[in-house]
Amino acid sequence: MAQLVSTLVNFYETLILVYIILMWFPLREGGIAYDVAMVLRSLCEPFLSIFRRIIPPMGGIDFSPVIAVLALNVIARLVIGILV
């Protein structure tokens, strides 16, 4: 069970990373990259928005994904510690 939690957390971290990288590029509506970005947005934004409310973008740089991934790792370690 701990391995499953670890795998799911790693997968979600990868989704966040891909989403953030896609947001750096201009995406044309109707393209496959745009469609992928919109799916990732629907999966990642609810979690990232929690941290954006706490730490708003500073100087055009958004640190919320970094804090979100750190928080996700802390939560995962707590859950894995409970399961083991």
Protein backbone atom coordinates (compact mmCIF):
# COMPACT_ATOMS: atom_id res chain seq x y z
CA MET A 1 0.00 0.00 0.00
CA ALA A 2 2.87 2.38 0.79
CA GLN A 3 4.32 1.72 -2.66
CA LEU A 4 0.98 2.64 -4.25
CA VAL A 5 0.86 5.94 -2.36
CA SER A 6 4.43 6.70 -3.38
CA THR A 7 3.70 5.89 -7.03
CA LEU A 8 0.56 8.04 -7.08
CA VAL A 9 2.39 10.98 -5.51
CA ASN A 10 5.23 10.68 -8.02
CA PHE A 11 2.71 10.54 -10.87
CA TYR A 12 0.88 13.64 -9.63
CA GLU A 13 4.18 15.50 -9.22
CA THR A 14 4.99 14.64 -12.84
CA LEU A 15 1.59 15.95 -13.94
CA ILE A 16 2.24 19.23 -12.12
CA LEU A 17 5.69 19.55 -13.69
CA VAL A 18 4.39 18.89 -17.22
CA TYR A 19 1.53 21.35 -16.68
CA ILE A 20 3.87 24.08 -15.48
CA ILE A 21 6.24 23.55 -18.43
CA LEU A 22 3.34 23.64 -20.90
CA MET A 23 2.17 26.95 -19.43
CA TRP A 24 5.52 28.56 -20.42
CA PHE A 25 4.66 28.24 -24.09
CA PRO A 26 1.92 29.94 -26.08
CA LEU A 27 -0.65 27.29 -26.94
CA ARG A 28 -2.97 27.52 -29.91
CA GLU A 29 -6.55 26.59 -29.17
CA GLY A 30 -7.50 23.40 -30.99
CA GLY A 31 -4.00 21.93 -30.94
CA ILE A 32 -3.10 18.71 -29.14
CA ALA A 33 -0.76 20.53 -26.73
CA TYR A 34 -3.63 22.85 -25.81
CA ASP A 35 -5.93 19.90 -25.17
CA VAL A 36 -3.31 18.20 -23.00
CA ALA A 37 -2.75 21.45 -21.10
CA MET A 38 -6.48 21.82 -20.44
CA VAL A 39 -6.73 18.27 -19.07
CA LEU A 40 -3.68 18.87 -16.87
CA ARG A 41 -5.18 22.19 -15.78
CA SER A 42 -8.34 20.47 -14.61
CA LEU A 43 -6.23 17.99 -12.64
CA CYS A 44 -3.60 20.34 -11.18
CA GLU A 45 -5.24 23.74 -10.68
CA PRO A 46 -7.50 22.74 -7.75
CA PHE A 47 -4.44 21.67 -5.75
CA LEU A 48 -2.20 24.52 -6.93
CA SER A 49 -4.86 27.16 -6.22
CA ILE A 50 -4.69 26.32 -2.51
CA PHE A 51 -1.05 27.40 -2.47
CA ARG A 52 -1.60 30.38 -4.79
CA ARG A 53 -3.97 31.84 -2.20
CA ILE A 54 -1.26 31.52 0.44
CA ILE A 55 1.70 32.60 -1.72
CA PRO A 56 0.66 34.85 -4.61
CA PRO A 57 3.02 35.21 -7.61
CA MET A 58 5.86 37.61 -6.85
CA GLY A 59 7.40 39.62 -9.64
CA GLY A 60 5.76 37.44 -12.27
CA ILE A 61 7.22 34.24 -10.75
CA ASP A 62 4.83 31.68 -9.32
CA PHE A 63 6.36 29.68 -6.48
CA SER A 64 3.15 27.81 -5.66
CA PRO A 65 4.08 24.66 -7.65
CA VAL A 66 7.29 24.30 -5.63
CA ILE A 67 5.44 24.68 -2.35
CA ALA A 68 2.67 22.36 -3.57
CA VAL A 69 5.15 19.60 -4.46
CA LEU A 70 6.90 19.99 -1.09
CA ALA A 71 3.56 19.81 0.73
CA LEU A 72 2.57 16.78 -1.34
CA ASN A 73 5.80 15.03 -0.33
CA VAL A 74 5.27 15.84 3.36
CA ILE A 75 1.71 14.51 3.23
CA ALA A 76 2.88 11.39 1.39
CA ARG A 77 5.60 10.73 3.98
CA LEU A 78 3.04 11.08 6.77
CA VAL A 79 0.61 8.70 5.07
CA ILE A 80 3.37 6.19 4.28
CA GLY A 81 4.59 6.43 7.88
CA ILE A 82 1.09 5.59 9.10
CA LEU A 83 0.75 2.70 6.64
CA VAL A 84 4.10 1.14 7.49
